[in-house]
Amino acid sequence: MKDFALLLLQKSLNARFNRTAADNPWFVFGASYSGALSAWFRLKFPHLTCGSLASSAVVLAVYNFTEFDQQVKIGVLCFLMHL
């Protein structure tokens, strides 16, 4: 994320559109994993963005989420039974 902040937003894009760090209209967004990245980016670099939209983003990860594994197993078994 820091690479993106420094290279793309601060230097390349701001220079291309003749913007300064203070005049920064960038809005980051994404869905699912990229949505989580956009939310974390906004938290880490609030001075570089004016907002973030995180659609279907998991922003509070759960360690060792075994219920997800069980649901995937059920889904795979149902799929295999209908082949």
C-alpha atoms as a PDB file:
ATOM      1  CA  MET A   1       0.000   0.000   0.000  1.00  0.00           C
ATOM      2  CA  LYS A   2       2.829   2.369   0.758  1.00  0.00           C
ATOM      3  CA  ASP A   3       4.244   1.844  -2.736  1.00  0.00           C
ATOM      4  CA  PHE A   4       0.866   2.729  -4.225  1.00  0.00           C
ATOM      5  CA  ALA A   5       0.586   5.797  -2.011  1.00  0.00           C
ATOM      6  CA  LEU A   6       4.012   7.131  -2.848  1.00  0.00           C
ATOM      7  CA  LEU A   7       4.406   6.188  -6.475  1.00  0.00           C
ATOM      8  CA  LEU A   8       0.942   6.390  -7.947  1.00  0.00           C
ATOM      9  CA  LEU A   9      -0.982   8.937  -5.953  1.00  0.00           C
ATOM     10  CA  GLN A  10       1.655  11.329  -4.700  1.00  0.00           C
ATOM     11  CA  LYS A  11       3.975  11.345  -7.689  1.00  0.00           C
ATOM     12  CA  SER A  12       2.618   9.929 -10.915  1.00  0.00           C
ATOM     13  CA  LEU A  13      -1.083  10.743 -10.807  1.00  0.00           C
ATOM     14  CA  ASN A  14      -0.779  14.036  -8.967  1.00  0.00           C
ATOM     15  CA  ALA A  15       1.957  15.168 -11.350  1.00  0.00           C
ATOM     16  CA  ARG A  16      -0.031  14.043 -14.385  1.00  0.00           C
ATOM     17  CA  PHE A  17      -3.115  15.975 -13.303  1.00  0.00           C
ATOM     18  CA  ASN A  18      -1.119  18.899 -11.896  1.00  0.00           C
ATOM     19  CA  ARG A  19      -2.269  18.304  -8.316  1.00  0.00           C
ATOM     20  CA  THR A  20      -0.427  18.870  -5.058  1.00  0.00           C
ATOM     21  CA  ALA A  21      -0.509  16.734  -1.916  1.00  0.00           C
ATOM     22  CA  ALA A  22      -2.786  19.302  -0.283  1.00  0.00           C
ATOM     23  CA  ASP A  23      -5.193  19.391  -3.247  1.00  0.00           C
ATOM     24  CA  ASN A  24      -5.961  15.680  -3.320  1.00  0.00           C
ATOM     25  CA  PRO A  25      -9.355  14.537  -4.670  1.00  0.00           C
ATOM     26  CA  TRP A  26      -8.544  10.804  -4.821  1.00  0.00           C
ATOM     27  CA  PHE A  27     -11.290   8.424  -3.768  1.00  0.00           C
ATOM     28  CA  VAL A  28     -10.356   4.756  -3.406  1.00  0.00           C
ATOM     29  CA  PHE A  29     -12.842   1.933  -3.842  1.00  0.00           C
ATOM     30  CA  GLY A  30     -13.084  -1.779  -4.327  1.00  0.00           C
ATOM     31  CA  ALA A  31     -15.154  -4.888  -3.765  1.00  0.00           C
ATOM     32  CA  SER A  32     -14.256  -7.925  -1.697  1.00  0.00           C
ATOM     33  CA  TYR A  33     -10.467  -8.061  -1.180  1.00  0.00           C
ATOM     34  CA  SER A  34      -9.797  -4.822  -3.049  1.00  0.00           C
ATOM     35  CA  GLY A  35     -12.525  -3.219  -0.941  1.00  0.00           C
ATOM     36  CA  ALA A  36     -10.688  -4.219   2.214  1.00  0.00           C
ATOM     37  CA  LEU A  37      -7.511  -2.742   0.747  1.00  0.00           C
ATOM     38  CA  SER A  38      -9.303   0.513  -0.026  1.00  0.00           C
ATOM     39  CA  ALA A  39     -10.582   0.758   3.568  1.00  0.00           C
ATOM     40  CA  TRP A  40      -7.157   0.008   5.018  1.00  0.00           C
ATOM     41  CA  PHE A  41      -5.564   2.458   2.587  1.00  0.00           C
ATOM     42  CA  ARG A  42      -7.913   5.201   3.767  1.00  0.00           C
ATOM     43  CA  LEU A  43      -7.095   4.422   7.400  1.00  0.00           C
ATOM     44  CA  LYS A  44      -3.359   4.396   6.784  1.00  0.00           C
ATOM     45  CA  PHE A  45      -3.177   7.363   4.382  1.00  0.00           C
ATOM     46  CA  PRO A  46      -6.079   9.713   5.185  1.00  0.00           C
ATOM     47  CA  HIS A  47      -4.094  12.683   3.873  1.00  0.00           C
ATOM     48  CA  LEU A  48      -3.949  11.154   0.373  1.00  0.00           C
ATOM     49  CA  THR A  49      -7.648  10.393  -0.111  1.00  0.00           C
ATOM     50  CA  CYS A  50     -10.948  12.141   0.422  1.00  0.00           C
ATOM     51  CA  GLY A  51     -12.826   8.879   0.988  1.00  0.00           C
ATOM     52  CA  SER A  52     -13.117   5.143   0.477  1.00  0.00           C
ATOM     53  CA  LEU A  53     -15.855   2.740  -0.553  1.00  0.00           C
ATOM     54  CA  ALA A  54     -15.389  -0.860   0.583  1.00  0.00           C
ATOM     55  CA  SER A  55     -18.159  -2.949  -0.962  1.00  0.00           C
ATOM     56  CA  SER A  56     -18.453  -6.502   0.414  1.00  0.00           C
ATOM     57  CA  ALA A  57     -15.138  -6.050   2.142  1.00  0.00           C
ATOM     58  CA  VAL A  58     -13.948  -8.066   5.096  1.00  0.00           C
ATOM     59  CA  VAL A  59     -12.335  -5.407   7.243  1.00  0.00           C
ATOM     60  CA  LEU A  60     -12.254  -7.418  10.469  1.00  0.00           C
ATOM     61  CA  ALA A  61     -10.588 -10.703   9.603  1.00  0.00           C
ATOM     62  CA  VAL A  62     -11.275 -13.775  11.734  1.00  0.00           C
ATOM     63  CA  TYR A  63      -8.305 -16.002  12.491  1.00  0.00           C
ATOM     64  CA  ASN A  64      -8.887 -19.744  12.134  1.00  0.00           C
ATOM     65  CA  PHE A  65     -12.421 -19.365  10.766  1.00  0.00           C
ATOM     66  CA  THR A  66     -13.333 -23.064  10.658  1.00  0.00           C
ATOM     67  CA  GLU A  67     -17.013 -22.408   9.936  1.00  0.00           C
ATOM     68  CA  PHE A  68     -16.016 -21.129   6.494  1.00  0.00           C
ATOM     69  CA  ASP A  69     -14.123 -24.347   5.782  1.00  0.00           C
ATOM     70  CA  GLN A  70     -17.159 -26.388   6.806  1.00  0.00           C
ATOM     71  CA  GLN A  71     -19.433 -24.385   4.496  1.00  0.00           C
ATOM     72  CA  VAL A  72     -17.043 -24.845   1.572  1.00  0.00           C
ATOM     73  CA  LYS A  73     -16.935 -28.590   2.255  1.00  0.00           C
ATOM     74  CA  ILE A  74     -20.756 -28.769   2.193  1.00  0.00           C
ATOM     75  CA  GLY A  75     -20.849 -26.789  -1.059  1.00  0.00           C
ATOM     76  CA  VAL A  76     -18.259 -29.013  -2.744  1.00  0.00           C
ATOM     77  CA  LEU A  77     -20.039 -32.191  -1.641  1.00  0.00           C
ATOM     78  CA  CYS A  78     -23.378 -30.892  -2.958  1.00  0.00           C
ATOM     79  CA  PHE A  79     -21.744 -29.996  -6.258  1.00  0.00           C
ATOM     80  CA  LEU A  80     -20.112 -33.426  -6.601  1.00  0.00           C
ATOM     81  CA  MET A  81     -23.384 -35.219  -5.808  1.00  0.00           C
ATOM     82  CA  HIS A  82     -25.096 -33.396  -8.704  1.00  0.00           C
ATOM     83  CA  LEU A  83     -22.498 -34.233 -11.370  1.00  0.00           C
END
